[in-house]
């Protein structure tokens, strides 16, 4: 678990995600420092990043979705991929950003099931040509966790390979 400072006020505008480049969990944390909604949302989001780390499209899940549920049943993620391809394209590098307000007991904190679920999701998505670079979890108390860091020892995500994918699936 890490901490980050909140550098926003109640009237601060939510940052424009499309102006950011995400190549490391620390890039997501830098955004969270300025985004008052991170840690307070009751749903996870799946950001679809191009090879330069720019957000190209996203999937906003329901409040009932969790890493563990996706590990058990990845159909919502697979459906998001199919819809993205049907709409004309969807990048192959995905990032889960999961807010877990402390007051919601069914979504609070991170435990040993989270890294295991992350690896299961990563393996499943790899079978359909996707690279899950990380799942970064925020709570409303300024704490954050990177599942990639917990499973690999680093917050830095591997560069995309020549074919637009990365060697990250070898870690899983």
Protein backbone atom coordinates (compact mmCIF):
# COMPACT_ATOMS: atom_id res chain seq x y z
CA UNK A 1 0.00 0.00 0.00
CA UNK A 2 1.18 3.47 -0.90
CA UNK A 3 -0.23 6.90 -0.14
CA UNK A 4 -0.66 9.95 -2.34
CA UNK A 5 -1.57 13.57 -1.57
CA UNK A 6 -4.86 15.06 -2.68
CA UNK A 7 -3.97 18.17 -4.69
CA UNK A 8 -7.52 19.22 -5.40
CA UNK A 9 -10.29 21.22 -3.79
CA UNK A 10 -14.03 20.69 -3.97
CA UNK A 11 -14.28 23.08 -6.93
CA UNK A 12 -11.34 21.66 -8.90
CA UNK A 13 -12.36 20.42 -12.33
CA UNK A 14 -11.85 16.75 -13.11
CA UNK A 15 -8.76 16.44 -15.35
CA UNK A 16 -9.13 15.58 -19.02
CA UNK A 17 -7.95 11.96 -19.28
CA UNK A 18 -7.16 12.30 -22.97
CA UNK A 19 -4.36 14.76 -22.20
CA UNK A 20 -2.45 12.17 -20.13
CA UNK A 21 -0.07 9.39 -21.08
CA UNK A 22 -0.07 6.26 -18.90
CA UNK A 23 3.01 4.01 -19.03
CA UNK A 24 3.41 3.28 -15.33
CA UNK A 25 1.18 3.00 -12.25
CA UNK A 26 2.79 6.24 -11.05
CA UNK A 27 1.23 8.05 -14.03
CA UNK A 28 -2.20 6.92 -12.82
CA UNK A 29 -1.34 8.09 -9.29
CA UNK A 30 -0.26 11.50 -10.64
CA UNK A 31 -3.71 11.85 -12.20
CA UNK A 32 -5.42 10.70 -8.98
CA UNK A 33 -3.63 13.45 -7.06
CA UNK A 34 -5.58 15.95 -9.18
CA UNK A 35 -8.82 14.02 -9.67
CA UNK A 36 -11.19 14.30 -6.73
CA UNK A 37 -13.32 11.40 -8.04
CA UNK A 38 -10.60 8.73 -7.74
CA UNK A 39 -11.16 6.66 -4.63
CA UNK A 40 -14.76 7.87 -4.31
CA UNK A 41 -16.34 6.21 -7.34
CA UNK A 42 -18.25 3.06 -6.57
CA UNK A 43 -17.35 1.34 -9.84
CA UNK A 44 -14.19 0.21 -11.61
CA UNK A 45 -13.20 1.48 -15.05
CA UNK A 46 -11.19 -0.24 -17.74
CA UNK A 47 -9.10 2.17 -19.79
CA UNK A 48 -8.02 1.05 -23.25
CA UNK A 49 -4.61 2.55 -24.00
CA UNK A 50 -2.75 2.89 -27.27
CA UNK A 51 0.94 1.96 -27.54
CA UNK A 52 1.92 5.48 -26.36
CA UNK A 53 -0.24 5.14 -23.23
CA UNK A 54 -3.02 7.47 -24.34
CA UNK A 55 -6.63 6.68 -23.47
CA UNK A 56 -8.52 5.79 -26.64
CA UNK A 57 -11.70 4.28 -25.22
CA UNK A 58 -12.93 2.90 -21.91
CA UNK A 59 -15.42 0.64 -20.20
CA UNK A 60 -17.25 1.85 -17.10
CA UNK A 61 -18.33 -1.19 -15.13
CA UNK A 62 -21.15 -1.43 -12.63
CA UNK A 63 -20.68 -1.04 -8.89
CA UNK A 64 -21.06 -4.79 -8.44
CA UNK A 65 -18.07 -5.59 -10.65
CA UNK A 66 -14.79 -6.44 -8.93
CA UNK A 67 -11.47 -8.00 -9.87
CA UNK A 68 -12.61 -11.21 -8.22
CA UNK A 69 -15.89 -11.31 -10.16
CA UNK A 70 -14.09 -10.67 -13.44
CA UNK A 71 -11.60 -13.43 -12.61
CA UNK A 72 -14.55 -15.80 -12.10
CA UNK A 73 -16.51 -14.52 -15.09
CA UNK A 74 -14.62 -12.36 -17.62
CA UNK A 75 -17.59 -12.07 -20.00
CA UNK A 76 -18.18 -8.34 -19.30
CA UNK A 77 -14.56 -7.62 -20.26
CA UNK A 78 -14.78 -9.82 -23.35
CA UNK A 79 -18.03 -8.06 -24.31
CA UNK A 80 -16.31 -4.68 -23.97
CA UNK A 81 -13.60 -5.90 -26.34
CA UNK A 82 -16.13 -7.14 -28.89
CA UNK A 83 -18.06 -3.85 -28.73
CA UNK A 84 -14.86 -1.84 -29.12
CA UNK A 85 -13.85 -3.81 -32.20
CA UNK A 86 -17.35 -3.49 -33.65
CA UNK A 87 -17.17 0.29 -33.18
CA UNK A 88 -14.07 0.46 -35.33
CA UNK A 89 -11.18 -0.44 -33.10
CA UNK A 90 -10.01 -0.88 -29.59
CA UNK A 91 -6.38 -0.79 -28.34
CA UNK A 92 -4.80 -3.97 -27.03
CA UNK A 93 -3.36 -2.54 -23.78
CA UNK A 94 -5.89 -2.34 -20.97
CA UNK A 95 -5.69 -0.79 -17.51
CA UNK A 96 -8.20 -1.33 -14.72
CA UNK A 97 -8.67 1.68 -12.41
CA UNK A 98 -10.65 0.61 -9.37
CA UNK A 99 -11.96 3.03 -6.74
CA UNK A 100 -12.95 1.51 -3.42
CA UNK A 101 -14.45 3.92 -0.89
CA UNK A 102 -13.69 2.71 2.65
CA UNK A 103 -17.31 3.04 3.73
CA UNK A 104 -18.44 0.34 1.30
CA UNK A 105 -17.51 -2.92 2.97
CA UNK A 106 -18.01 -4.98 -0.20
CA UNK A 107 -15.34 -2.95 -2.06
CA UNK A 108 -12.94 -1.79 0.66
CA UNK A 109 -9.18 -2.28 0.60
CA UNK A 110 -6.98 -4.82 -1.10
CA UNK A 111 -6.28 -8.34 0.10
CA UNK A 112 -4.47 -11.41 -1.22
CA UNK A 113 -7.36 -12.25 -3.53
CA UNK A 114 -6.76 -9.10 -5.60
CA UNK A 115 -3.33 -9.97 -7.09
CA UNK A 116 -4.54 -13.52 -7.76
CA UNK A 117 -7.65 -12.20 -9.53
CA UNK A 118 -5.52 -9.73 -11.50
CA UNK A 119 -3.30 -12.54 -12.79
CA UNK A 120 -6.34 -14.66 -13.71
CA UNK A 121 -7.87 -11.76 -15.65
CA UNK A 122 -4.52 -11.04 -17.33
CA UNK A 123 -4.25 -14.67 -18.48
CA UNK A 124 -7.82 -14.69 -19.80
CA UNK A 125 -7.49 -11.42 -21.70
CA UNK A 126 -4.21 -12.61 -23.25
CA UNK A 127 -6.18 -15.40 -24.95
CA UNK A 128 -8.08 -12.76 -26.95
CA UNK A 129 -5.01 -10.69 -27.79
CA UNK A 130 -5.17 -8.16 -24.95
CA UNK A 131 -2.47 -7.09 -22.52
CA UNK A 132 -3.72 -6.15 -19.07
CA UNK A 133 -0.92 -3.81 -17.97
CA UNK A 134 -2.19 -3.22 -14.42
CA UNK A 135 -5.10 -2.84 -12.06
CA UNK A 136 -4.54 0.23 -9.89
CA UNK A 137 -6.78 0.46 -6.83
CA UNK A 138 -7.53 3.68 -4.92
CA UNK A 139 -9.45 4.19 -1.71
CA UNK A 140 -10.92 7.45 -0.43
CA UNK A 141 -8.20 7.85 2.22
CA UNK A 142 -5.35 8.51 -0.23
CA UNK A 143 -4.07 4.92 -0.47
CA UNK A 144 -3.25 3.09 -3.66
CA UNK A 145 -2.11 -0.35 -4.80
CA UNK A 146 -0.74 -1.56 -8.14
CA UNK A 147 -1.51 -5.19 -8.87
CA UNK A 148 1.31 -5.23 -11.43
CA UNK A 149 3.71 -4.06 -8.72
CA UNK A 150 2.42 -6.64 -6.25
CA UNK A 151 2.94 -9.43 -8.79
CA UNK A 152 6.15 -8.24 -10.48
CA UNK A 153 7.92 -5.91 -8.05
CA UNK A 154 7.73 -2.80 -10.25
CA UNK A 155 5.15 -0.14 -11.12
CA UNK A 156 6.66 0.27 -14.61
CA UNK A 157 4.84 -1.50 -17.38
CA UNK A 158 6.85 -3.12 -20.18
CA UNK A 159 6.94 -1.29 -23.49
CA UNK A 160 4.68 -2.62 -26.22
CA UNK A 161 6.38 -5.14 -28.47
CA UNK A 162 6.93 -4.71 -32.18
CA UNK A 163 3.53 -6.23 -32.91
CA UNK A 164 1.78 -3.76 -30.61
CA UNK A 165 1.64 -6.16 -27.69
CA UNK A 166 3.96 -6.49 -24.78
CA UNK A 167 5.93 -9.21 -23.10
CA UNK A 168 3.91 -8.61 -19.94
CA UNK A 169 1.78 -11.71 -20.43
CA UNK A 170 4.86 -13.82 -19.76
CA UNK A 171 4.72 -12.64 -16.12
CA UNK A 172 1.27 -14.17 -15.67
